[in-house]
Amino acid sequence: QVQLVESGGGLVQAGGSLTLSCAASGRTFSYNVLGWFRQAPGKEREFVAAISRSDPYYADSVKGRFTISRDNAKTTVYLQMNSLKPEDTAAYYCAAAKGISTVVSGPGGVDYWGKGTLVTVSS
């Protein structure tokens, strides 16, 4: 079992920045990939970013604006979000998985989810 707890969501104006954090606990050694998905109202959950032990991966919609990173203990993952747009408004979910390819392909490849944190970007 892996437990994921997100924090850092909130309300921000367009063009602003926000950093999300996700603390992982439990059998984290079995799950090399930590990442983020988001789900806007009325839309499907979509991949945002993920990181294996060292390499980051991003959705095209956030490349150049978002940065994913992990701490040295590999149990906390961060999502630095810059130049935020109203279309970034969504619930952001932390995710854990064994393989990067399955995570990038969509939510079906995720083994564990956090409960989510809401990000609202006002125009």
C-alpha atoms as a PDB file:
ATOM      1  CA  GLN A   1       0.000   0.000   0.000  1.00  0.00           C
ATOM      2  CA  VAL A   2       1.074   3.540  -0.764  1.00  0.00           C
ATOM      3  CA  GLN A   3      -0.462   6.636   0.770  1.00  0.00           C
ATOM      4  CA  LEU A   4      -0.281   9.959  -1.053  1.00  0.00           C
ATOM      5  CA  VAL A   5      -1.159  13.293   0.529  1.00  0.00           C
ATOM      6  CA  GLU A   6      -1.266  16.459  -1.560  1.00  0.00           C
ATOM      7  CA  SER A   7      -0.972  20.038  -0.373  1.00  0.00           C
ATOM      8  CA  GLY A   8      -0.465  23.501  -1.799  1.00  0.00           C
ATOM      9  CA  GLY A   9      -3.579  24.111  -3.848  1.00  0.00           C
ATOM     10  CA  GLY A  10      -5.422  27.400  -3.767  1.00  0.00           C
ATOM     11  CA  LEU A  11      -6.610  30.440  -5.661  1.00  0.00           C
ATOM     12  CA  VAL A  12      -4.190  32.382  -7.837  1.00  0.00           C
ATOM     13  CA  GLN A  13      -4.493  35.018 -10.539  1.00  0.00           C
ATOM     14  CA  ALA A  14      -3.631  34.262 -14.136  1.00  0.00           C
ATOM     15  CA  GLY A  15       0.101  34.603 -14.690  1.00  0.00           C
ATOM     16  CA  GLY A  16       0.836  33.673 -11.105  1.00  0.00           C
ATOM     17  CA  SER A  17       2.624  30.697  -9.588  1.00  0.00           C
ATOM     18  CA  LEU A  18       1.771  27.898  -7.213  1.00  0.00           C
ATOM     19  CA  THR A  19       3.664  24.883  -5.903  1.00  0.00           C
ATOM     20  CA  LEU A  20       1.983  21.593  -5.113  1.00  0.00           C
ATOM     21  CA  SER A  21       3.521  18.957  -2.858  1.00  0.00           C
ATOM     22  CA  CYS A  22       2.752  15.291  -2.467  1.00  0.00           C
ATOM     23  CA  ALA A  23       4.111  13.234   0.419  1.00  0.00           C
ATOM     24  CA  ALA A  24       4.288   9.513  -0.237  1.00  0.00           C
ATOM     25  CA  SER A  25       4.445   6.861   2.482  1.00  0.00           C
ATOM     26  CA  GLY A  26       4.147   3.113   2.743  1.00  0.00           C
ATOM     27  CA  ARG A  27       5.698   0.754   0.210  1.00  0.00           C
ATOM     28  CA  THR A  28       7.128   3.560  -1.885  1.00  0.00           C
ATOM     29  CA  PHE A  29      10.184   1.533  -2.851  1.00  0.00           C
ATOM     30  CA  SER A  30       7.995  -0.585  -5.122  1.00  0.00           C
ATOM     31  CA  TYR A  31       6.699   2.396  -7.088  1.00  0.00           C
ATOM     32  CA  ASN A  32       9.397   4.292  -8.943  1.00  0.00           C
ATOM     33  CA  VAL A  33       7.166   6.839 -10.586  1.00  0.00           C
ATOM     34  CA  LEU A  34       5.403   9.749  -8.917  1.00  0.00           C
ATOM     35  CA  GLY A  35       3.328  12.176 -10.887  1.00  0.00           C
ATOM     36  CA  TRP A  36       0.399  14.521 -11.221  1.00  0.00           C
ATOM     37  CA  PHE A  37      -2.896  14.345 -13.037  1.00  0.00           C
ATOM     38  CA  ARG A  38      -5.677  16.901 -13.110  1.00  0.00           C
ATOM     39  CA  GLN A  39      -9.385  16.877 -13.668  1.00  0.00           C
ATOM     40  CA  ALA A  40     -11.433  19.918 -14.534  1.00  0.00           C
ATOM     41  CA  PRO A  41     -15.215  19.962 -14.006  1.00  0.00           C
ATOM     42  CA  GLY A  42     -16.958  17.942 -16.686  1.00  0.00           C
ATOM     43  CA  LYS A  43     -13.706  16.670 -18.156  1.00  0.00           C
ATOM     44  CA  GLU A  44     -11.717  13.471 -17.939  1.00  0.00           C
ATOM     45  CA  ARG A  45      -8.692  13.122 -15.696  1.00  0.00           C
ATOM     46  CA  GLU A  46      -5.549  13.925 -17.692  1.00  0.00           C
ATOM     47  CA  PHE A  47      -1.814  13.442 -17.306  1.00  0.00           C
ATOM     48  CA  VAL A  48       0.157  16.541 -16.272  1.00  0.00           C
ATOM     49  CA  ALA A  49       3.661  15.456 -15.298  1.00  0.00           C
ATOM     50  CA  ALA A  50       5.585  12.519 -13.876  1.00  0.00           C
ATOM     51  CA  ILE A  51       9.074  11.731 -12.715  1.00  0.00           C
ATOM     52  CA  SER A  52      10.939   8.467 -12.444  1.00  0.00           C
ATOM     53  CA  ARG A  53      14.072   8.243 -10.281  1.00  0.00           C
ATOM     54  CA  SER A  54      15.587  11.060 -12.327  1.00  0.00           C
ATOM     55  CA  ASP A  55      13.757  11.877 -15.569  1.00  0.00           C
ATOM     56  CA  PRO A  56      10.745  14.199 -15.820  1.00  0.00           C
ATOM     57  CA  TYR A  57       7.903  13.900 -18.328  1.00  0.00           C
ATOM     58  CA  TYR A  58       5.305  16.546 -19.154  1.00  0.00           C
ATOM     59  CA  ALA A  59       2.070  16.943 -21.022  1.00  0.00           C
ATOM     60  CA  ASP A  60       2.455  19.309 -23.969  1.00  0.00           C
ATOM     61  CA  SER A  61      -0.026  21.716 -22.386  1.00  0.00           C
ATOM     62  CA  VAL A  62       2.275  22.419 -19.438  1.00  0.00           C
ATOM     63  CA  LYS A  63       5.766  22.118 -20.958  1.00  0.00           C
ATOM     64  CA  GLY A  64       7.839  25.178 -20.231  1.00  0.00           C
ATOM     65  CA  ARG A  65       5.484  26.337 -17.468  1.00  0.00           C
ATOM     66  CA  PHE A  66       5.432  23.461 -14.951  1.00  0.00           C
ATOM     67  CA  THR A  67       8.384  21.726 -13.315  1.00  0.00           C
ATOM     68  CA  ILE A  68       8.196  18.412 -11.480  1.00  0.00           C
ATOM     69  CA  SER A  69      10.863  17.376  -8.981  1.00  0.00           C
ATOM     70  CA  ARG A  70      11.525  14.894  -6.177  1.00  0.00           C
ATOM     71  CA  ASP A  71      13.388  15.229  -2.914  1.00  0.00           C
ATOM     72  CA  ASN A  72      16.540  13.219  -2.226  1.00  0.00           C
ATOM     73  CA  ALA A  73      14.678  10.652  -0.182  1.00  0.00           C
ATOM     74  CA  LYS A  74      12.400  10.159  -3.247  1.00  0.00           C
ATOM     75  CA  THR A  75       9.296  10.259  -1.106  1.00  0.00           C
ATOM     76  CA  THR A  76       8.011  13.760  -1.865  1.00  0.00           C
ATOM     77  CA  VAL A  77       7.184  15.082  -5.290  1.00  0.00           C
ATOM     78  CA  TYR A  78       6.643  18.741  -6.136  1.00  0.00           C
ATOM     79  CA  LEU A  79       4.921  20.494  -9.001  1.00  0.00           C
ATOM     80  CA  GLN A  80       6.050  24.061  -9.533  1.00  0.00           C
ATOM     81  CA  MET A  81       3.441  25.785 -11.689  1.00  0.00           C
ATOM     82  CA  ASN A  82       4.317  29.107 -13.325  1.00  0.00           C
ATOM     83  CA  SER A  83       2.487  31.338 -15.788  1.00  0.00           C
ATOM     84  CA  LEU A  84      -0.797  29.799 -14.718  1.00  0.00           C
ATOM     85  CA  LYS A  85      -3.802  30.114 -17.009  1.00  0.00           C
ATOM     86  CA  PRO A  86      -7.529  29.871 -16.252  1.00  0.00           C
ATOM     87  CA  GLU A  87      -7.565  26.595 -18.182  1.00  0.00           C
ATOM     88  CA  ASP A  88      -5.213  25.141 -15.567  1.00  0.00           C
ATOM     89  CA  THR A  89      -8.086  25.268 -13.087  1.00  0.00           C
ATOM     90  CA  ALA A  90      -8.726  21.726 -11.888  1.00  0.00           C
ATOM     91  CA  ALA A  91      -8.395  19.289  -9.045  1.00  0.00           C
ATOM     92  CA  TYR A  92      -4.814  18.037  -9.085  1.00  0.00           C
ATOM     93  CA  TYR A  93      -4.154  14.455  -8.038  1.00  0.00           C
ATOM     94  CA  CYS A  94      -0.881  12.885  -7.004  1.00  0.00           C
ATOM     95  CA  ALA A  95      -0.213   9.473  -8.520  1.00  0.00           C
ATOM     96  CA  ALA A  96       2.159   6.561  -7.953  1.00  0.00           C
ATOM     97  CA  ALA A  97       3.001   3.819 -10.420  1.00  0.00           C
ATOM     98  CA  LYS A  98       5.663   1.253 -11.239  1.00  0.00           C
ATOM     99  CA  GLY A  99       6.344   2.307 -14.823  1.00  0.00           C
ATOM    100  CA  ILE A 100       6.670   5.691 -16.498  1.00  0.00           C
ATOM    101  CA  SER A 101       5.170   4.600 -19.825  1.00  0.00           C
ATOM    102  CA  THR A 102       1.923   3.502 -18.215  1.00  0.00           C
ATOM    103  CA  VAL A 103       1.559   6.772 -16.315  1.00  0.00           C
ATOM    104  CA  VAL A 104       2.191   8.963 -19.340  1.00  0.00           C
ATOM    105  CA  SER A 105      -0.390   7.025 -21.324  1.00  0.00           C
ATOM    106  CA  GLY A 106      -3.205   7.963 -18.945  1.00  0.00           C
ATOM    107  CA  PRO A 107      -4.889   7.435 -15.585  1.00  0.00           C
ATOM    108  CA  GLY A 108      -5.359   3.718 -16.216  1.00  0.00           C
ATOM    109  CA  GLY A 109      -1.664   3.163 -15.564  1.00  0.00           C
ATOM    110  CA  VAL A 110      -1.742   4.582 -12.041  1.00  0.00           C
ATOM    111  CA  ASP A 111      -1.613   2.259  -9.062  1.00  0.00           C
ATOM    112  CA  TYR A 112      -2.339   4.718  -6.253  1.00  0.00           C
ATOM    113  CA  TRP A 113      -4.040   8.107  -6.055  1.00  0.00           C
ATOM    114  CA  GLY A 114      -4.087  10.935  -3.573  1.00  0.00           C
ATOM    115  CA  LYS A 115      -7.353  12.620  -2.672  1.00  0.00           C
ATOM    116  CA  GLY A 116      -6.584  15.715  -4.707  1.00  0.00           C
ATOM    117  CA  THR A 117      -6.043  19.414  -4.146  1.00  0.00           C
ATOM    118  CA  LEU A 118      -7.944  22.171  -5.907  1.00  0.00           C
ATOM    119  CA  VAL A 119      -6.205  24.790  -8.021  1.00  0.00           C
ATOM    120  CA  THR A 120      -8.259  27.747  -9.206  1.00  0.00           C
ATOM    121  CA  VAL A 121      -6.797  30.297 -11.602  1.00  0.00           C
ATOM    122  CA  SER A 122      -8.788  33.493 -11.969  1.00  0.00           C
ATOM    123  CA  SER A 123      -8.664  35.616 -15.108  1.00  0.00           C
END
